[in-house]
């Protein structure tokens, strides 16, 4: 599996994942059911893709944000 995400992209996704988890667990905004689970799912996807360094959607559309 080739890397297709650059360092900046990966960092932004980690920050977005943290923000989504904070919204899901510490605010009343996402306390009502489906939105809570949606935030958790998106945060998990962002975290996994940034740790692995490969985004399947980027591969489908031929996008690369890394220099390698």
Protein backbone atom coordinates (compact mmCIF):
# COMPACT_ATOMS: atom_id res chain seq x y z
CA UNK A 1 0.00 0.00 0.00
CA UNK A 2 1.55 3.28 -1.11
CA UNK A 3 1.36 6.50 0.84
CA UNK A 4 -0.89 9.10 -0.75
CA UNK A 5 -1.23 11.54 2.15
CA UNK A 6 1.31 14.20 3.08
CA UNK A 7 2.32 15.22 6.60
CA UNK A 8 0.11 18.31 6.61
CA UNK A 9 -2.92 16.32 5.44
CA UNK A 10 -2.32 13.68 8.08
CA UNK A 11 -1.93 16.31 10.80
CA UNK A 12 -5.12 18.07 9.80
CA UNK A 13 -7.01 14.78 9.91
CA UNK A 14 -5.69 13.96 13.39
CA UNK A 15 -6.75 17.39 14.67
CA UNK A 16 -10.18 16.98 13.01
CA UNK A 17 -10.57 13.55 14.61
CA UNK A 18 -9.77 14.96 18.05
CA UNK A 19 -12.23 17.82 17.56
CA UNK A 20 -14.96 15.42 16.47
CA UNK A 21 -14.36 13.17 19.48
CA UNK A 22 -14.51 16.15 21.82
CA UNK A 23 -17.78 17.23 20.21
CA UNK A 24 -19.17 13.71 20.45
CA UNK A 25 -18.35 13.17 24.12
CA UNK A 26 -18.23 16.50 25.90
CA UNK A 27 -20.99 18.61 24.42
CA UNK A 28 -24.75 18.41 24.37
CA UNK A 29 -24.66 19.15 20.65
CA UNK A 30 -24.03 15.53 19.66
CA UNK A 31 -25.67 13.87 22.61
CA UNK A 32 -28.79 12.98 20.67
CA UNK A 33 -28.21 9.60 19.05
CA UNK A 34 -27.16 9.38 15.43
CA UNK A 35 -25.00 12.51 15.37
CA UNK A 36 -22.95 11.16 18.29
CA UNK A 37 -22.19 7.93 16.42
CA UNK A 38 -21.57 9.73 13.14
CA UNK A 39 -18.93 11.95 14.78
CA UNK A 40 -17.25 8.89 16.29
CA UNK A 41 -17.25 7.02 12.97
CA UNK A 42 -15.81 9.94 11.00
CA UNK A 43 -13.19 10.53 13.70
CA UNK A 44 -12.17 6.86 13.53
CA UNK A 45 -11.87 6.98 9.75
CA UNK A 46 -9.79 10.16 9.90
CA UNK A 47 -7.52 8.70 12.58
CA UNK A 48 -6.99 5.37 10.80
CA UNK A 49 -6.29 6.90 7.41
CA UNK A 50 -3.83 9.41 8.88
CA UNK A 51 -1.99 6.73 10.86
CA UNK A 52 -1.76 4.44 7.82
CA UNK A 53 -1.01 7.33 5.45
CA UNK A 54 -3.34 6.08 2.76
CA UNK A 55 -6.82 7.36 1.94
CA UNK A 56 -8.90 5.01 -0.25
CA UNK A 57 -10.87 7.93 -1.72
CA UNK A 58 -7.64 9.63 -2.72
CA UNK A 59 -6.59 6.43 -4.50
CA UNK A 60 -9.89 6.24 -6.38
CA UNK A 61 -9.66 9.83 -7.57
CA UNK A 62 -5.89 9.79 -8.15
CA UNK A 63 -5.13 12.44 -5.54
CA UNK A 64 -1.74 12.53 -3.80
CA UNK A 65 -0.75 15.07 -1.18
CA UNK A 66 2.63 13.51 -0.38
CA UNK A 67 5.88 14.24 -2.16
CA UNK A 68 7.15 10.64 -2.23
